[in-house]
């Protein structure tokens, strides 16, 4: 019976860590919602080019894998990894690097914040 209690406690603690991380990335991205971001990643078709942990079917190899993107120093190899730069990159990567292969998907500001918020959970 004690093992069951330990498992329940561990699940609660892990859930609290996820909630704390979600609050942190929401603040970091100016109100982005990582859960909405995960859904937006599917809507905008990011998975057709990138491998993205936690996103079903996101296992493409055209663009770089986005695992640990929240811990990287650069975005697209050309700009510092800051929340605003990531939001800007998601919205219009070619405004930052005209030679990037990543297309402008016309992501709304709200969706870009949400996507950035999800990506920052990938550490």
PDB file of N, CA and C in Angstrom:
ATOM      1  N   UNK A   1       0.826  -1.193   0.000  1.00  0.00           N
ATOM      2  CA  UNK A   1       0.000   0.000   0.000  1.00  0.00           C
ATOM      3  C   UNK A   1       0.867   1.252   0.000  1.00  0.00           C
ATOM      4  N   UNK A   2       2.026   1.207   0.668  1.00  0.00           N
ATOM      5  CA  UNK A   2       2.906   2.369   0.696  1.00  0.00           C
ATOM      6  C   UNK A   2       3.435   2.700  -0.692  1.00  0.00           C
ATOM      7  N   UNK A   3       3.711   1.694  -1.498  1.00  0.00           N
ATOM      8  CA  UNK A   3       4.221   1.926  -2.850  1.00  0.00           C
ATOM      9  C   UNK A   3       3.199   2.703  -3.668  1.00  0.00           C
ATOM     10  N   UNK A   4       1.922   2.395  -3.504  1.00  0.00           N
ATOM     11  CA  UNK A   4       0.867   3.107  -4.232  1.00  0.00           C
ATOM     12  C   UNK A   4       0.835   4.568  -3.812  1.00  0.00           C
ATOM     13  N   UNK A   5       1.001   4.831  -2.522  1.00  0.00           N
ATOM     14  CA  UNK A   5       1.017   6.213  -2.030  1.00  0.00           C
ATOM     15  C   UNK A   5       2.215   6.968  -2.601  1.00  0.00           C
ATOM     16  N   UNK A   6       3.357   6.300  -2.685  1.00  0.00           N
ATOM     17  CA  UNK A   6       4.559   6.934  -3.253  1.00  0.00           C
ATOM     18  C   UNK A   6       4.346   7.290  -4.717  1.00  0.00           C
ATOM     19  N   UNK A   7       3.694   6.404  -5.444  1.00  0.00           N
ATOM     20  CA  UNK A   7       3.438   6.662  -6.862  1.00  0.00           C
ATOM     21  C   UNK A   7       2.496   7.853  -7.018  1.00  0.00           C
ATOM     22  N   UNK A   8       1.471   7.914  -6.202  1.00  0.00           N
ATOM     23  CA  UNK A   8       0.529   9.034  -6.253  1.00  0.00           C
ATOM     24  C   UNK A   8       1.231  10.336  -5.899  1.00  0.00           C
ATOM     25  N   UNK A   9       2.052  10.307  -4.877  1.00  0.00           N
ATOM     26  CA  UNK A   9       2.790  11.504  -4.473  1.00  0.00           C
ATOM     27  C   UNK A   9       3.744  11.945  -5.580  1.00  0.00           C
ATOM     28  N   UNK A  10       4.440  11.004  -6.188  1.00  0.00           N
ATOM     29  CA  UNK A  10       5.359  11.331  -7.266  1.00  0.00           C
ATOM     30  C   UNK A  10       4.609  11.948  -8.447  1.00  0.00           C
ATOM     31  N   UNK A  11       3.459  11.402  -8.784  1.00  0.00           N
ATOM     32  CA  UNK A  11       2.659  11.945  -9.883  1.00  0.00           C
ATOM     33  C   UNK A  11       2.221  13.376  -9.574  1.00  0.00           C
ATOM     34  N   UNK A  12       1.836  13.629  -8.338  1.00  0.00           N
ATOM     35  CA  UNK A  12       1.436  14.988  -7.934  1.00  0.00           C
ATOM     36  C   UNK A  12       2.613  15.949  -8.019  1.00  0.00           C
ATOM     37  N   UNK A  13       3.770  15.521  -7.565  1.00  0.00           N
ATOM     38  CA  UNK A  13       4.955  16.375  -7.619  1.00  0.00           C
ATOM     39  C   UNK A  13       5.354  16.682  -9.060  1.00  0.00           C
ATOM     40  N   UNK A  14       5.305  15.687  -9.920  1.00  0.00           N
ATOM     41  CA  UNK A  14       5.643  15.905 -11.325  1.00  0.00           C
ATOM     42  C   UNK A  14       4.644  16.846 -11.978  1.00  0.00           C
ATOM     43  N   UNK A  15       3.384  16.714 -11.629  1.00  0.00           N
ATOM     44  CA  UNK A  15       2.355  17.605 -12.153  1.00  0.00           C
ATOM     45  C   UNK A  15       2.609  19.034 -11.701  1.00  0.00           C
ATOM     46  N   UNK A  16       3.016  19.207 -10.455  1.00  0.00           N
ATOM     47  CA  UNK A  16       3.326  20.541  -9.931  1.00  0.00           C
ATOM     48  C   UNK A  16       4.521  21.131 -10.655  1.00  0.00           C
ATOM     49  N   UNK A  17       5.517  20.299 -10.990  1.00  0.00           N
ATOM     50  CA  UNK A  17       6.673  20.776 -11.752  1.00  0.00           C
ATOM     51  C   UNK A  17       6.242  21.247 -13.129  1.00  0.00           C
ATOM     52  N   UNK A  18       5.364  20.480 -13.784  1.00  0.00           N
ATOM     53  CA  UNK A  18       4.862  20.866 -15.098  1.00  0.00           C
ATOM     54  C   UNK A  18       4.104  22.185 -15.025  1.00  0.00           C
ATOM     55  N   UNK A  19       3.265  22.345 -14.001  1.00  0.00           N
ATOM     56  CA  UNK A  19       2.506  23.581 -13.843  1.00  0.00           C
ATOM     57  C   UNK A  19       3.435  24.760 -13.596  1.00  0.00           C
ATOM     58  N   UNK A  20       4.465  24.567 -12.791  1.00  0.00           N
ATOM     59  CA  UNK A  20       5.431  25.627 -12.517  1.00  0.00           C
ATOM     60  C   UNK A  20       6.180  25.998 -13.787  1.00  0.00           C
ATOM     61  N   UNK A  21       6.592  25.009 -14.569  1.00  0.00           N
ATOM     62  CA  UNK A  21       7.285  25.253 -15.827  1.00  0.00           C
ATOM     63  C   UNK A  21       6.368  25.975 -16.818  1.00  0.00           C
ATOM     64  N   UNK A  22       5.095  25.559 -16.882  1.00  0.00           N
ATOM     65  CA  UNK A  22       4.134  26.222 -17.766  1.00  0.00           C
ATOM     66  C   UNK A  22       3.972  27.686 -17.385  1.00  0.00           C
ATOM     67  N   UNK A  23       3.879  27.971 -16.093  1.00  0.00           N
ATOM     68  CA  UNK A  23       3.761  29.376 -15.644  1.00  0.00           C
ATOM     69  C   UNK A  23       5.003  30.160 -16.038  1.00  0.00           C
ATOM     70  N   UNK A  24       6.171  29.541 -15.893  1.00  0.00           N
ATOM     71  CA  UNK A  24       7.428  30.215 -16.230  1.00  0.00           C
ATOM     72  C   UNK A  24       7.478  30.549 -17.717  1.00  0.00           C
ATOM     73  N   UNK A  25       7.176  29.595 -18.593  1.00  0.00           N
ATOM     74  CA  UNK A  25       7.252  29.868 -20.028  1.00  0.00           C
ATOM     75  C   UNK A  25       6.148  30.815 -20.478  1.00  0.00           C
ATOM     76  N   UNK A  26       5.024  30.819 -19.787  1.00  0.00           N
ATOM     77  CA  UNK A  26       3.957  31.776 -20.090  1.00  0.00           C
ATOM     78  C   UNK A  26       4.436  33.188 -19.798  1.00  0.00           C
ATOM     79  N   UNK A  27       5.086  33.389 -18.665  1.00  0.00           N
ATOM     80  CA  UNK A  27       5.639  34.701 -18.327  1.00  0.00           C
ATOM     81  C   UNK A  27       6.747  35.080 -19.300  1.00  0.00           C
ATOM     82  N   UNK A  28       7.592  34.148 -19.627  1.00  0.00           N
ATOM     83  CA  UNK A  28       8.731  34.374 -20.514  1.00  0.00           C
ATOM     84  C   UNK A  28       8.288  34.873 -21.888  1.00  0.00           C
ATOM     85  N   UNK A  29       7.177  34.350 -22.379  1.00  0.00           N
ATOM     86  CA  UNK A  29       6.714  34.659 -23.732  1.00  0.00           C
ATOM     87  C   UNK A  29       5.583  35.689 -23.767  1.00  0.00           C
ATOM     88  N   UNK A  30       5.383  36.387 -22.688  1.00  0.00           N
ATOM     89  CA  UNK A  30       4.365  37.445 -22.683  1.00  0.00           C
ATOM     90  C   UNK A  30       2.940  36.941 -22.760  1.00  0.00           C
ATOM     91  N   UNK A  31       2.698  35.785 -22.175  1.00  0.00           N
ATOM     92  CA  UNK A  31       1.338  35.254 -22.122  1.00  0.00           C
ATOM     93  C   UNK A  31       1.099  34.039 -22.995  1.00  0.00           C
ATOM     94  N   UNK A  32       2.152  33.499 -23.606  1.00  0.00           N
ATOM     95  CA  UNK A  32       1.991  32.301 -24.434  1.00  0.00           C
ATOM     96  C   UNK A  32       1.539  31.104 -23.618  1.00  0.00           C
ATOM     97  N   UNK A  33       0.734  30.273 -24.220  1.00  0.00           N
ATOM     98  CA  UNK A  33       0.205  29.074 -23.568  1.00  0.00           C
ATOM     99  C   UNK A  33       0.825  27.844 -24.241  1.00  0.00           C
ATOM    100  N   UNK A  34       1.659  27.095 -23.516  1.00  0.00           N
ATOM    101  CA  UNK A  34       2.324  25.943 -24.143  1.00  0.00           C
ATOM    102  C   UNK A  34       1.355  24.895 -24.669  1.00  0.00           C
ATOM    103  N   UNK A  35       0.212  24.736 -24.042  1.00  0.00           N
ATOM    104  CA  UNK A  35      -0.757  23.747 -24.541  1.00  0.00           C
ATOM    105  C   UNK A  35      -1.356  24.198 -25.876  1.00  0.00           C
ATOM    106  N   UNK A  36      -1.680  25.476 -25.972  1.00  0.00           N
ATOM    107  CA  UNK A  36      -2.165  26.012 -27.253  1.00  0.00           C
ATOM    108  C   UNK A  36      -1.054  25.979 -28.294  1.00  0.00           C
ATOM    109  N   UNK A  37       0.181  26.203 -27.844  1.00  0.00           N
ATOM    110  CA  UNK A  37       1.325  26.179 -28.756  1.00  0.00           C
ATOM    111  C   UNK A  37       1.516  24.815 -29.382  1.00  0.00           C
ATOM    112  N   UNK A  38       1.355  23.790 -28.580  1.00  0.00           N
ATOM    113  CA  UNK A  38       1.490  22.421 -29.091  1.00  0.00           C
ATOM    114  C   UNK A  38       0.442  22.164 -30.176  1.00  0.00           C
ATOM    115  N   UNK A  39      -0.776  22.645 -29.945  1.00  0.00           N
ATOM    116  CA  UNK A  39      -1.840  22.496 -30.945  1.00  0.00           C
ATOM    117  C   UNK A  39      -1.536  23.336 -32.186  1.00  0.00           C
ATOM    118  N   UNK A  40      -1.035  24.550 -31.992  1.00  0.00           N
ATOM    119  CA  UNK A  40      -0.719  25.437 -33.117  1.00  0.00           C
ATOM    120  C   UNK A  40       0.398  24.854 -33.980  1.00  0.00           C
ATOM    121  N   UNK A  41       1.339  24.175 -33.354  1.00  0.00           N
ATOM    122  CA  UNK A  41       2.416  23.520 -34.097  1.00  0.00           C
ATOM    123  C   UNK A  41       1.831  22.535 -35.099  1.00  0.00           C
ATOM    124  N   UNK A  42       0.806  21.821 -34.694  1.00  0.00           N
ATOM    125  CA  UNK A  42       0.151  20.878 -35.608  1.00  0.00           C
ATOM    126  C   UNK A  42      -0.621  21.626 -36.701  1.00  0.00           C
ATOM    127  N   UNK A  43      -1.329  22.680 -36.322  1.00  0.00           N
ATOM    128  CA  UNK A  43      -2.134  23.447 -37.277  1.00  0.00           C
ATOM    129  C   UNK A  43      -1.276  24.073 -38.370  1.00  0.00           C
ATOM    130  N   UNK A  44      -0.153  24.651 -37.989  1.00  0.00           N
ATOM    131  CA  UNK A  44       0.717  25.323 -38.959  1.00  0.00           C
ATOM    132  C   UNK A  44       1.622  24.359 -39.732  1.00  0.00           C
ATOM    133  N   UNK A  45       1.585  23.091 -39.379  1.00  0.00           N
ATOM    134  CA  UNK A  45       2.334  22.088 -40.135  1.00  0.00           C
ATOM    135  C   UNK A  45       3.823  22.048 -39.840  1.00  0.00           C
ATOM    136  N   UNK A  46       4.219  22.531 -38.678  1.00  0.00           N
ATOM    137  CA  UNK A  46       5.646  22.523 -38.316  1.00  0.00           C
ATOM    138  C   UNK A  46       6.224  21.111 -38.360  1.00  0.00           C
ATOM    139  N   UNK A  47       5.370  20.133 -38.101  1.00  0.00           N
ATOM    140  CA  UNK A  47       5.825  18.743 -38.065  1.00  0.00           C
ATOM    141  C   UNK A  47       6.164  18.206 -39.444  1.00  0.00           C
ATOM    142  N   UNK A  48       5.825  18.924 -40.499  1.00  0.00           N
ATOM    143  CA  UNK A  48       6.186  18.450 -41.835  1.00  0.00           C
ATOM    144  C   UNK A  48       7.674  18.670 -42.114  1.00  0.00           C
ATOM    145  N   UNK A  49       8.327  19.509 -41.298  1.00  0.00           N
ATOM    146  CA  UNK A  49       9.761  19.767 -41.483  1.00  0.00           C
ATOM    147  C   UNK A  49      10.616  19.422 -40.269  1.00  0.00           C
ATOM    148  N   UNK A  50      10.042  19.472 -39.078  1.00  0.00           N
ATOM    149  CA  UNK A  50      10.826  19.332 -37.847  1.00  0.00           C
ATOM    150  C   UNK A  50      10.430  18.101 -37.048  1.00  0.00           C
ATOM    151  N   UNK A  51      11.395  17.569 -36.325  1.00  0.00           N
ATOM    152  CA  UNK A  51      11.127  16.613 -35.266  1.00  0.00           C
ATOM    153  C   UNK A  51      10.925  17.436 -34.000  1.00  0.00           C
ATOM    154  N   UNK A  52       9.761  17.258 -33.363  1.00  0.00           N
ATOM    155  CA  UNK A  52       9.421  18.063 -32.197  1.00  0.00           C
ATOM    156  C   UNK A  52       8.919  17.129 -31.100  1.00  0.00           C
ATOM    157  N   UNK A  53       9.681  16.985 -30.028  1.00  0.00           N
ATOM    158  CA  UNK A  53       9.262  16.107 -28.941  1.00  0.00           C
ATOM    159  C   UNK A  53       7.884  16.489 -28.400  1.00  0.00           C
ATOM    160  N   UNK A  54       7.072  15.467 -28.172  1.00  0.00           N
ATOM    161  CA  UNK A  54       5.758  15.678 -27.580  1.00  0.00           C
ATOM    162  C   UNK A  54       4.665  15.998 -28.580  1.00  0.00           C
ATOM    163  N   UNK A  55       5.011  16.170 -29.848  1.00  0.00           N
ATOM    164  CA  UNK A  55       4.015  16.476 -30.878  1.00  0.00           C
ATOM    165  C   UNK A  55       3.872  15.249 -31.773  1.00  0.00           C
ATOM    166  N   UNK A  56       2.693  14.674 -31.761  1.00  0.00           N
ATOM    167  CA  UNK A  56       2.436  13.458 -32.529  1.00  0.00           C
ATOM    168  C   UNK A  56       2.740  13.686 -34.011  1.00  0.00           C
ATOM    169  N   UNK A  57       3.502  12.782 -34.588  1.00  0.00           N
ATOM    170  CA  UNK A  57       3.817  12.829 -36.005  1.00  0.00           C
ATOM    171  C   UNK A  57       4.917  13.800 -36.385  1.00  0.00           C
ATOM    172  N   UNK A  58       5.467  14.506 -35.419  1.00  0.00           N
ATOM    173  CA  UNK A  58       6.522  15.488 -35.709  1.00  0.00           C
ATOM    174  C   UNK A  58       7.878  14.787 -35.688  1.00  0.00           C
ATOM    175  N   UNK A  59       8.168  14.118 -36.801  1.00  0.00           N
ATOM    176  CA  UNK A  59       9.423  13.367 -36.880  1.00  0.00           C
ATOM    177  C   UNK A  59      10.114  13.577 -38.227  1.00  0.00           C
ATOM    178  N   UNK A  60       9.899  14.739 -38.823  1.00  0.00           N
ATOM    179  CA  UNK A  60      10.478  15.047 -40.129  1.00  0.00           C
ATOM    180  C   UNK A  60      11.939  15.484 -39.990  1.00  0.00           C
ATOM    181  N   UNK A  61      12.659  15.405 -41.074  1.00  0.00           N
ATOM    182  CA  UNK A  61      14.092  15.694 -41.056  1.00  0.00           C
ATOM    183  C   UNK A  61      14.488  16.810 -42.029  1.00  0.00           C
ATOM    184  N   UNK A  62      13.550  17.610 -42.495  1.00  0.00           N
ATOM    185  CA  UNK A  62      13.859  18.706 -43.411  1.00  0.00           C
ATOM    186  C   UNK A  62      14.584  19.822 -42.665  1.00  0.00           C
ATOM    187  N   UNK A  63      13.976  20.281 -41.576  1.00  0.00           N
ATOM    188  CA  UNK A  63      14.594  21.297 -40.726  1.00  0.00           C
ATOM    189  C   UNK A  63      15.242  20.638 -39.528  1.00  0.00           C
ATOM    190  N   UNK A  64      15.901  21.431 -38.698  1.00  0.00           N
ATOM    191  CA  UNK A  64      16.561  20.841 -37.534  1.00  0.00           C
ATOM    192  C   UNK A  64      15.558  20.316 -36.512  1.00  0.00           C
ATOM    193  N   UNK A  65      15.954  19.292 -35.766  1.00  0.00           N
ATOM    194  CA  UNK A  65      15.099  18.832 -34.676  1.00  0.00           C
ATOM    195  C   UNK A  65      15.011  19.934 -33.621  1.00  0.00           C
ATOM    196  N   UNK A  66      13.849  20.055 -32.997  1.00  0.00           N
ATOM    197  CA  UNK A  66      13.642  21.134 -32.036  1.00  0.00           C
ATOM    198  C   UNK A  66      13.737  20.677 -30.580  1.00  0.00           C
ATOM    199  N   UNK A  67      14.279  19.479 -30.357  1.00  0.00           N
ATOM    200  CA  UNK A  67      14.522  19.055 -28.978  1.00  0.00           C
ATOM    201  C   UNK A  67      15.539  20.008 -28.344  1.00  0.00           C
ATOM    202  N   UNK A  68      15.354  20.330 -27.131  1.00  0.00           N
ATOM    203  CA  UNK A  68      16.244  21.206 -26.360  1.00  0.00           C
ATOM    204  C   UNK A  68      16.348  22.631 -26.919  1.00  0.00           C
ATOM    205  N   UNK A  69      15.391  23.046 -27.738  1.00  0.00           N
ATOM    206  CA  UNK A  69      15.464  24.396 -28.309  1.00  0.00           C
ATOM    207  C   UNK A  69      15.422  25.458 -27.211  1.00  0.00           C
ATOM    208  N   UNK A  70      14.774  25.163 -26.109  1.00  0.00           N
ATOM    209  CA  UNK A  70      14.706  26.112 -24.998  1.00  0.00           C
ATOM    210  C   UNK A  70      16.040  26.352 -24.324  1.00  0.00           C
ATOM    211  N   UNK A  71      17.007  25.474 -24.563  1.00  0.00           N
ATOM    212  CA  UNK A  71      18.338  25.600 -23.963  1.00  0.00           C
ATOM    213  C   UNK A  71      19.405  26.070 -24.946  1.00  0.00           C
ATOM    214  N   UNK A  72      19.037  26.250 -26.180  1.00  0.00           N
ATOM    215  CA  UNK A  72      20.029  26.620 -27.195  1.00  0.00           C
ATOM    216  C   UNK A  72      20.393  28.094 -27.102  1.00  0.00           C
ATOM    217  N   UNK A  73      21.574  28.425 -27.590  1.00  0.00           N
ATOM    218  CA  UNK A  73      22.042  29.808 -27.570  1.00  0.00           C
ATOM    219  C   UNK A  73      21.532  30.619 -28.748  1.00  0.00           C
ATOM    220  N   UNK A  74      21.292  29.946 -29.872  1.00  0.00           N
ATOM    221  CA  UNK A  74      20.890  30.648 -31.089  1.00  0.00           C
ATOM    222  C   UNK A  74      19.634  30.048 -31.692  1.00  0.00           C
ATOM    223  N   UNK A  75      18.916  30.873 -32.428  1.00  0.00           N
ATOM    224  CA  UNK A  75      17.756  30.446 -33.200  1.00  0.00           C
ATOM    225  C   UNK A  75      18.152  30.542 -34.671  1.00  0.00           C
ATOM    226  N   UNK A  76      17.970  29.468 -35.392  1.00  0.00           N
ATOM    227  CA  UNK A  76      18.318  29.459 -36.802  1.00  0.00           C
ATOM    228  C   UNK A  76      19.791  29.685 -37.068  1.00  0.00           C
ATOM    229  N   UNK A  77      20.593  29.585 -36.040  1.00  0.00           N
ATOM    230  CA  UNK A  77      22.027  29.785 -36.173  1.00  0.00           C
ATOM    231  C   UNK A  77      22.435  31.229 -36.385  1.00  0.00           C
ATOM    232  N   UNK A  78      21.478  32.164 -36.267  1.00  0.00           N
ATOM    233  CA  UNK A  78      21.805  33.551 -36.612  1.00  0.00           C
ATOM    234  C   UNK A  78      21.411  34.598 -35.577  1.00  0.00           C
ATOM    235  N   UNK A  79      20.537  34.274 -34.674  1.00  0.00           N
ATOM    236  CA  UNK A  79      20.081  35.277 -33.711  1.00  0.00           C
ATOM    237  C   UNK A  79      20.029  34.673 -32.311  1.00  0.00           C
ATOM    238  N   UNK A  80      20.293  35.488 -31.323  1.00  0.00           N
ATOM    239  CA  UNK A  80      20.318  35.027 -29.931  1.00  0.00           C
ATOM    240  C   UNK A  80      18.950  34.463 -29.549  1.00  0.00           C
ATOM    241  N   UNK A  81      18.972  33.400 -28.775  1.00  0.00           N
ATOM    242  CA  UNK A  81      17.743  32.758 -28.331  1.00  0.00           C
ATOM    243  C   UNK A  81      17.162  33.532 -27.146  1.00  0.00           C
ATOM    244  N   UNK A  82      16.288  34.474 -27.484  1.00  0.00           N
ATOM    245  CA  UNK A  82      15.516  35.209 -26.478  1.00  0.00           C
ATOM    246  C   UNK A  82      14.047  34.987 -26.798  1.00  0.00           C
ATOM    247  N   UNK A  83      13.175  35.182 -25.818  1.00  0.00           N
ATOM    248  CA  UNK A  83      11.750  34.983 -26.109  1.00  0.00           C
ATOM    249  C   UNK A  83      11.252  35.834 -27.287  1.00  0.00           C
ATOM    250  N   UNK A  84      11.618  37.105 -27.323  1.00  0.00           N
ATOM    251  CA  UNK A  84      11.133  37.948 -28.415  1.00  0.00           C
ATOM    252  C   UNK A  84      11.705  37.503 -29.755  1.00  0.00           C
ATOM    253  N   UNK A  85      12.975  37.129 -29.778  1.00  0.00           N
ATOM    254  CA  UNK A  85      13.569  36.653 -31.028  1.00  0.00           C
ATOM    255  C   UNK A  85      12.908  35.367 -31.512  1.00  0.00           C
ATOM    256  N   UNK A  86      12.566  34.469 -30.590  1.00  0.00           N
ATOM    257  CA  UNK A  86      11.908  33.230 -30.989  1.00  0.00           C
ATOM    258  C   UNK A  86      10.508  33.527 -31.528  1.00  0.00           C
ATOM    259  N   UNK A  87       9.796  34.407 -30.878  1.00  0.00           N
ATOM    260  CA  UNK A  87       8.461  34.800 -31.363  1.00  0.00           C
ATOM    261  C   UNK A  87       8.589  35.410 -32.763  1.00  0.00           C
ATOM    262  N   UNK A  88       9.544  36.320 -32.932  1.00  0.00           N
ATOM    263  CA  UNK A  88       9.754  36.954 -34.240  1.00  0.00           C
ATOM    264  C   UNK A  88      10.119  35.919 -35.298  1.00  0.00           C
ATOM    265  N   UNK A  89      10.984  34.971 -34.936  1.00  0.00           N
ATOM    266  CA  UNK A  89      11.405  33.923 -35.867  1.00  0.00           C
ATOM    267  C   UNK A  89      10.218  33.081 -36.303  1.00  0.00           C
ATOM    268  N   UNK A  90       9.383  32.689 -35.351  1.00  0.00           N
ATOM    269  CA  UNK A  90       8.218  31.871 -35.672  1.00  0.00           C
ATOM    270  C   UNK A  90       7.276  32.647 -36.600  1.00  0.00           C
ATOM    271  N   UNK A  91       7.126  33.931 -36.358  1.00  0.00           N
ATOM    272  CA  UNK A  91       6.240  34.743 -37.197  1.00  0.00           C
ATOM    273  C   UNK A  91       6.785  34.975 -38.598  1.00  0.00           C
ATOM    274  N   UNK A  92       8.062  35.297 -38.710  1.00  0.00           N
ATOM    275  CA  UNK A  92       8.616  35.616 -40.018  1.00  0.00           C
ATOM    276  C   UNK A  92      10.122  35.363 -40.026  1.00  0.00           C
ATOM    277  N   UNK A  93      10.532  34.111 -40.202  1.00  0.00           N
ATOM    278  CA  UNK A  93      11.957  33.781 -40.123  1.00  0.00           C
ATOM    279  C   UNK A  93      12.802  34.497 -41.173  1.00  0.00           C
ATOM    280  N   UNK A  94      12.232  34.763 -42.316  1.00  0.00           N
ATOM    281  CA  UNK A  94      13.007  35.397 -43.388  1.00  0.00           C
ATOM    282  C   UNK A  94      13.279  36.876 -43.130  1.00  0.00           C
ATOM    283  N   UNK A  95      12.551  37.482 -42.211  1.00  0.00           N
ATOM    284  CA  UNK A  95      12.861  38.857 -41.813  1.00  0.00           C
ATOM    285  C   UNK A  95      14.146  38.887 -40.989  1.00  0.00           C
ATOM    286  N   UNK A  96      14.468  37.756 -40.354  1.00  0.00           N
ATOM    287  CA  UNK A  96      15.678  37.645 -39.539  1.00  0.00           C
ATOM    288  C   UNK A  96      16.844  37.112 -40.371  1.00  0.00           C
ATOM    289  N   UNK A  97      16.554  36.123 -41.217  1.00  0.00           N
ATOM    290  CA  UNK A  97      17.592  35.539 -42.075  1.00  0.00           C
ATOM    291  C   UNK A  97      16.983  35.281 -43.449  1.00  0.00           C
ATOM    292  N   UNK A  98      17.304  36.131 -44.393  1.00  0.00           N
ATOM    293  CA  UNK A  98      16.715  36.026 -45.731  1.00  0.00           C
ATOM    294  C   UNK A  98      17.100  34.733 -46.450  1.00  0.00           C
ATOM    295  N   UNK A  99      18.140  34.051 -45.982  1.00  0.00           N
ATOM    296  CA  UNK A  99      18.599  32.822 -46.639  1.00  0.00           C
ATOM    297  C   UNK A  99      18.050  31.546 -45.996  1.00  0.00           C
ATOM    298  N   UNK A 100      17.251  31.683 -44.948  1.00  0.00           N
ATOM    299  CA  UNK A 100      16.714  30.490 -44.297  1.00  0.00           C
ATOM    300  C   UNK A 100      15.761  29.756 -45.234  1.00  0.00           C
ATOM    301  N   UNK A 101      15.718  28.456 -45.092  1.00  0.00           N
ATOM    302  CA  UNK A 101      14.775  27.644 -45.862  1.00  0.00           C
ATOM    303  C   UNK A 101      13.395  27.639 -45.207  1.00  0.00           C
ATOM    304  N   UNK A 102      13.319  28.096 -43.955  1.00  0.00           N
ATOM    305  CA  UNK A 102      12.041  28.092 -43.253  1.00  0.00           C
ATOM    306  C   UNK A 102      11.110  29.144 -43.861  1.00  0.00           C
ATOM    307  N   UNK A 103       9.919  28.723 -44.268  1.00  0.00           N
ATOM    308  CA  UNK A 103       9.000  29.661 -44.902  1.00  0.00           C
ATOM    309  C   UNK A 103       8.275  30.538 -43.881  1.00  0.00           C
ATOM    310  N   UNK A 104       7.766  31.644 -44.357  1.00  0.00           N
ATOM    311  CA  UNK A 104       6.881  32.475 -43.546  1.00  0.00           C
ATOM    312  C   UNK A 104       5.499  31.839 -43.619  1.00  0.00           C
ATOM    313  N   UNK A 105       5.047  31.310 -42.513  1.00  0.00           N
ATOM    314  CA  UNK A 105       3.747  30.635 -42.460  1.00  0.00           C
ATOM    315  C   UNK A 105       2.628  31.582 -42.030  1.00  0.00           C
ATOM    316  N   UNK A 106       2.953  32.868 -41.894  1.00  0.00           N
ATOM    317  CA  UNK A 106       1.981  33.895 -41.502  1.00  0.00           C
ATOM    318  C   UNK A 106       1.313  33.549 -40.166  1.00  0.00           C
ATOM    319  N   UNK A 107       2.155  33.190 -39.221  1.00  0.00           N
ATOM    320  CA  UNK A 107       1.705  32.842 -37.873  1.00  0.00           C
ATOM    321  C   UNK A 107       1.302  34.135 -37.159  1.00  0.00           C
ATOM    322  N   UNK A 108       0.139  34.133 -36.564  1.00  0.00           N
ATOM    323  CA  UNK A 108      -0.323  35.310 -35.815  1.00  0.00           C
ATOM    324  C   UNK A 108       0.567  35.530 -34.595  1.00  0.00           C
ATOM    325  N   UNK A 109       0.572  36.734 -34.067  1.00  0.00           N
ATOM    326  CA  UNK A 109       1.363  37.035 -32.876  1.00  0.00           C
ATOM    327  C   UNK A 109       0.950  36.149 -31.707  1.00  0.00           C
ATOM    328  N   UNK A 110      -0.327  35.981 -31.508  1.00  0.00           N
ATOM    329  CA  UNK A 110      -0.813  35.146 -30.405  1.00  0.00           C
ATOM    330  C   UNK A 110      -0.349  33.705 -30.562  1.00  0.00           C
ATOM    331  N   UNK A 111      -0.468  33.157 -31.763  1.00  0.00           N
ATOM    332  CA  UNK A 111      -0.023  31.780 -32.003  1.00  0.00           C
ATOM    333  C   UNK A 111       1.492  31.670 -31.870  1.00  0.00           C
ATOM    334  N   UNK A 112       2.225  32.698 -32.325  1.00  0.00           N
ATOM    335  CA  UNK A 112       3.691  32.678 -32.199  1.00  0.00           C
ATOM    336  C   UNK A 112       4.107  32.656 -30.734  1.00  0.00           C
ATOM    337  N   UNK A 113       3.406  33.405 -29.899  1.00  0.00           N
ATOM    338  CA  UNK A 113       3.696  33.370 -28.455  1.00  0.00           C
ATOM    339  C   UNK A 113       3.430  31.981 -27.890  1.00  0.00           C
ATOM    340  N   UNK A 114       2.313  31.398 -28.305  1.00  0.00           N
ATOM    341  CA  UNK A 114       1.962  30.062 -27.821  1.00  0.00           C
ATOM    342  C   UNK A 114       2.995  29.028 -28.286  1.00  0.00           C
ATOM    343  N   UNK A 115       3.385  29.093 -29.544  1.00  0.00           N
ATOM    344  CA  UNK A 115       4.373  28.152 -30.079  1.00  0.00           C
ATOM    345  C   UNK A 115       5.703  28.325 -29.362  1.00  0.00           C
ATOM    346  N   UNK A 116       6.134  29.560 -29.187  1.00  0.00           N
ATOM    347  CA  UNK A 116       7.390  29.821 -28.466  1.00  0.00           C
ATOM    348  C   UNK A 116       7.299  29.288 -27.043  1.00  0.00           C
ATOM    349  N   UNK A 117       6.148  29.468 -26.422  1.00  0.00           N
ATOM    350  CA  UNK A 117       5.951  28.974 -25.062  1.00  0.00           C
ATOM    351  C   UNK A 117       6.134  27.456 -25.021  1.00  0.00           C
ATOM    352  N   UNK A 118       5.545  26.737 -25.974  1.00  0.00           N
ATOM    353  CA  UNK A 118       5.729  25.288 -26.008  1.00  0.00           C
ATOM    354  C   UNK A 118       7.189  24.936 -26.257  1.00  0.00           C
ATOM    355  N   UNK A 119       7.806  25.605 -27.216  1.00  0.00           N
ATOM    356  CA  UNK A 119       9.199  25.295 -27.544  1.00  0.00           C
ATOM    357  C   UNK A 119      10.122  25.520 -26.348  1.00  0.00           C
ATOM    358  N   UNK A 120       9.816  26.515 -25.521  1.00  0.00           N
ATOM    359  CA  UNK A 120      10.645  26.757 -24.337  1.00  0.00           C
ATOM    360  C   UNK A 120      10.454  25.691 -23.258  1.00  0.00           C
ATOM    361  N   UNK A 121       9.443  24.856 -23.391  1.00  0.00           N
ATOM    362  CA  UNK A 121       9.345  23.732 -22.449  1.00  0.00           C
ATOM    363  C   UNK A 121      10.326  22.625 -22.824  1.00  0.00           C
ATOM    364  N   UNK A 122      10.882  22.702 -24.038  1.00  0.00           N
ATOM    365  CA  UNK A 122      11.810  21.673 -24.533  1.00  0.00           C
ATOM    366  C   UNK A 122      13.228  22.056 -24.146  1.00  0.00           C
ATOM    367  N   UNK A 123      13.641  21.622 -22.965  1.00  0.00           N
ATOM    368  CA  UNK A 123      14.961  21.992 -22.442  1.00  0.00           C
ATOM    369  C   UNK A 123      15.877  20.805 -22.346  1.00  0.00           C
TER     370      UNK A 123
END
